[in-house]
Amino acid sequence: LKLPTVLTIADVDQLIGSVRKPALKCFFWVVYSLGLRLQEALHLQVSDIDAGRMLVHVRRGKGHKDRLIPLSDETLRRLRSHWLTHRHPHWLFPCEGRDHRQASTAEHPMAKTTPQDCIKKVVDQLGWAKRGVSTHTLRHCYATHLLEAGVNLRQIQKYLGHSTLMSTTIYLHLTTVGEEVA
């Protein structure tokens, strides 16, 4: 069993803080704060954000399943601020086009290589290349940090969209929460 890389909260802050482009800084924050897969974050739409109920509706996740994830005030604030930079009627993270001016009329979300290339660059700059950090690492961090904060494993399973609890139990191996002191 190869355990995924998990960063401390301070390391997550440093990683996201090292991203220079505001749109990508927001993107990585959303991936981390909602525990999303790369494709789920790329395809988030304005209509998926329910500010009244403070929920995010993830549509067509893995296995084509929908799920609801709690939305923090901070994530809502960041999403609203980011949306004001492009005001696209559908996509939260629209493709900007070659001149970076086509975001408001984009027909597609941002390409998956955009955040992938960015995080690779930031990881290299931080000297973390050997740690195996990727966009997906932020999803592992989300689950582990929730577990460390006392959130029930079944609840984390629902937030992550795992069909079995077995998939979620890997996070028990990534934390000392619940271990008895010998």
Protein backbone atom coordinates (compact mmCIF):
# COMPACT_ATOMS: atom_id res chain seq x y z
CA LEU A 1 0.00 0.00 0.00
CA LYS A 2 1.57 3.26 -1.13
CA LEU A 3 0.29 6.07 1.05
CA PRO A 4 -0.47 9.41 -0.60
CA THR A 5 1.50 12.52 0.28
CA VAL A 6 -0.19 14.77 2.83
CA LEU A 7 0.99 18.28 3.65
CA THR A 8 0.49 20.13 6.91
CA ILE A 9 -1.96 23.04 6.91
CA ALA A 10 1.06 25.38 6.98
CA ASP A 11 2.53 23.61 3.92
CA VAL A 12 -0.81 23.88 2.07
CA ASP A 13 -0.85 27.62 2.87
CA GLN A 14 2.72 27.93 1.61
CA LEU A 15 1.97 25.99 -1.58
CA ILE A 16 -1.16 27.99 -2.45
CA GLY A 17 0.52 31.22 -1.32
CA SER A 18 3.36 30.55 -3.78
CA VAL A 19 0.98 30.50 -6.76
CA ARG A 20 1.33 33.88 -8.44
CA LYS A 21 -1.68 33.93 -10.75
CA PRO A 22 -4.86 34.90 -8.82
CA ALA A 23 -7.14 32.60 -10.87
CA LEU A 24 -4.93 29.59 -10.14
CA LYS A 25 -4.48 30.57 -6.49
CA CYS A 26 -8.29 30.51 -6.21
CA PHE A 27 -8.48 27.24 -8.14
CA PHE A 28 -6.07 25.44 -5.79
CA TRP A 29 -7.83 26.88 -2.74
CA VAL A 30 -11.14 25.52 -4.06
CA VAL A 31 -9.61 22.08 -4.74
CA TYR A 32 -8.24 21.99 -1.18
CA SER A 33 -11.18 23.51 0.70
CA LEU A 34 -13.74 21.28 -1.05
CA GLY A 35 -11.61 18.16 -1.53
CA LEU A 36 -12.26 18.08 -5.26
CA ARG A 37 -10.70 16.01 -8.01
CA LEU A 38 -9.02 18.06 -10.75
CA GLN A 39 -11.84 17.51 -13.29
CA GLU A 40 -14.52 18.30 -10.70
CA ALA A 41 -12.91 21.66 -9.94
CA LEU A 42 -12.38 22.50 -13.62
CA HIS A 43 -16.07 21.84 -14.37
CA LEU A 44 -17.53 23.78 -11.43
CA GLN A 45 -20.25 26.11 -12.60
CA VAL A 46 -21.70 29.28 -11.11
CA SER A 47 -25.01 27.44 -10.62
CA ASP A 48 -23.26 24.77 -8.49
CA ILE A 49 -22.65 27.26 -5.68
CA ASP A 50 -25.55 27.51 -3.24
CA ALA A 51 -24.58 30.49 -1.08
CA GLY A 52 -27.94 30.41 0.71
CA ARG A 53 -27.36 26.91 2.04
CA MET A 54 -23.53 27.20 1.96
CA LEU A 55 -23.19 24.09 -0.20
CA VAL A 56 -21.42 23.20 -3.43
CA HIS A 57 -23.12 20.74 -5.77
CA VAL A 58 -20.50 18.56 -7.46
CA ARG A 59 -22.07 17.15 -10.60
CA ARG A 60 -20.91 14.11 -12.50
CA GLY A 61 -18.12 13.20 -10.09
CA LYS A 62 -16.30 9.89 -10.45
CA GLY A 63 -18.83 7.20 -11.33
CA HIS A 64 -21.13 9.98 -12.58
CA LYS A 65 -22.36 10.62 -9.03
CA ASP A 66 -23.50 13.97 -7.67
CA ARG A 67 -22.72 15.10 -4.14
CA LEU A 68 -23.03 18.13 -1.86
CA ILE A 69 -20.04 19.56 0.00
CA PRO A 70 -20.13 22.24 2.71
CA LEU A 71 -18.90 25.65 1.55
CA SER A 72 -16.88 27.79 3.94
CA ASP A 73 -17.26 31.58 4.14
CA GLU A 74 -13.62 31.92 3.03
CA THR A 75 -14.12 29.76 -0.07
CA LEU A 76 -17.30 31.63 -1.00
CA ARG A 77 -15.48 34.96 -0.57
CA ARG A 78 -12.60 33.79 -2.79
CA LEU A 79 -14.94 32.40 -5.45
CA ARG A 80 -16.97 35.62 -5.60
CA SER A 81 -13.84 37.73 -5.84
CA HIS A 82 -12.44 35.48 -8.59
CA TRP A 83 -15.73 35.43 -10.52
CA LEU A 84 -15.73 39.26 -10.64
CA THR A 85 -12.50 39.07 -12.69
CA HIS A 86 -14.25 37.32 -15.60
CA ARG A 87 -18.05 37.23 -14.93
CA HIS A 88 -18.55 34.12 -17.07
CA PRO A 89 -22.24 33.11 -16.95
CA HIS A 90 -21.46 29.39 -16.47
CA TRP A 91 -17.84 28.45 -15.68
CA LEU A 92 -16.13 29.39 -12.44
CA PHE A 93 -12.74 28.63 -14.03
CA PRO A 94 -13.17 29.42 -17.75
CA CYS A 95 -10.49 28.93 -20.36
CA GLU A 96 -8.86 32.32 -20.89
CA GLY A 97 -7.69 31.84 -24.45
CA ARG A 98 -4.31 32.85 -25.84
CA ASP A 99 -4.65 36.58 -25.10
CA HIS A 100 -6.10 35.94 -21.60
CA ARG A 101 -9.10 38.11 -22.49
CA GLN A 102 -11.61 35.52 -23.62
CA ALA A 103 -12.56 34.18 -20.17
CA SER A 104 -15.98 35.86 -20.12
CA THR A 105 -17.01 34.19 -23.40
CA ALA A 106 -15.11 30.88 -23.09
CA GLU A 107 -16.87 27.80 -24.37
CA HIS A 108 -14.84 25.47 -22.15
CA PRO A 109 -13.38 25.43 -18.66
CA MET A 110 -9.67 25.92 -18.11
CA ALA A 111 -7.53 23.12 -19.59
CA LYS A 112 -6.33 20.52 -17.08
CA THR A 113 -2.71 21.17 -18.08
CA THR A 114 -2.95 24.76 -16.78
CA PRO A 115 -3.17 23.87 -13.06
CA GLN A 116 -0.96 20.79 -13.57
CA ASP A 117 1.85 22.85 -15.09
CA CYS A 118 1.44 25.55 -12.45
CA ILE A 119 1.62 23.21 -9.46
CA LYS A 120 4.64 21.43 -10.92
CA LYS A 121 6.42 24.77 -11.27
CA VAL A 122 5.54 25.85 -7.72
CA VAL A 123 6.54 22.46 -6.26
CA ASP A 124 9.91 22.75 -8.06
CA GLN A 125 10.40 26.32 -6.76
CA LEU A 126 9.68 25.17 -3.20
CA GLY A 127 12.14 22.28 -3.57
CA TRP A 128 9.38 19.74 -2.93
CA ALA A 129 9.78 17.75 -6.16
CA LYS A 130 10.71 14.55 -4.31
CA ARG A 131 7.61 14.78 -2.08
CA GLY A 132 5.24 13.75 -4.88
CA VAL A 133 2.99 16.79 -4.58
CA SER A 134 0.30 17.30 -7.24
CA THR A 135 -3.14 18.88 -7.49
CA HIS A 136 -4.59 15.60 -6.15
CA THR A 137 -2.42 15.97 -3.02
CA LEU A 138 -4.73 18.82 -1.97
CA ARG A 139 -7.67 16.37 -1.97
CA HIS A 140 -5.70 14.03 0.31
CA CYS A 141 -4.87 16.98 2.56
CA TYR A 142 -8.56 17.97 2.76
CA ALA A 143 -9.60 14.48 3.88
CA THR A 144 -6.75 14.09 6.37
CA HIS A 145 -7.23 17.58 7.85
CA LEU A 146 -10.98 16.90 8.27
CA LEU A 147 -10.21 13.63 10.04
CA GLU A 148 -7.71 15.41 12.30
CA ALA A 149 -10.37 18.02 13.06
CA GLY A 150 -12.68 15.25 14.30
CA VAL A 151 -14.98 14.87 11.31
CA ASN A 152 -16.57 11.41 11.12
CA LEU A 153 -15.07 9.04 8.51
CA ARG A 154 -18.52 8.33 6.97
CA GLN A 155 -19.05 12.09 6.52
CA ILE A 156 -15.64 12.41 4.84
CA GLN A 157 -16.62 9.48 2.58
CA LYS A 158 -19.73 11.42 1.48
CA TYR A 159 -17.78 14.66 0.91
CA LEU A 160 -15.17 12.84 -1.20
CA GLY A 161 -17.79 10.90 -3.16
CA HIS A 162 -16.26 7.51 -2.33
CA SER A 163 -18.67 4.66 -3.02
CA THR A 164 -17.19 2.52 -0.24
CA LEU A 165 -15.89 3.38 3.21
CA MET A 166 -12.87 1.20 2.36
CA SER A 167 -11.64 3.88 -0.07
CA THR A 168 -11.80 6.48 2.69
CA THR A 169 -10.04 4.41 5.38
CA ILE A 170 -6.66 5.09 3.73
CA TYR A 171 -6.80 8.45 5.49
CA LEU A 172 -6.66 6.65 8.85
CA HIS A 173 -3.11 5.63 7.88
CA LEU A 174 -2.13 9.24 7.27
CA THR A 175 -2.90 10.60 10.71
CA THR A 176 -2.27 9.80 14.35
CA VAL A 177 -5.82 10.81 15.29
CA GLY A 178 -7.50 8.12 17.33
CA GLU A 179 -4.27 6.29 18.15
CA GLU A 180 -3.85 5.41 21.78
CA VAL A 181 -0.76 6.76 23.51
CA ALA A 182 1.22 3.73 24.67
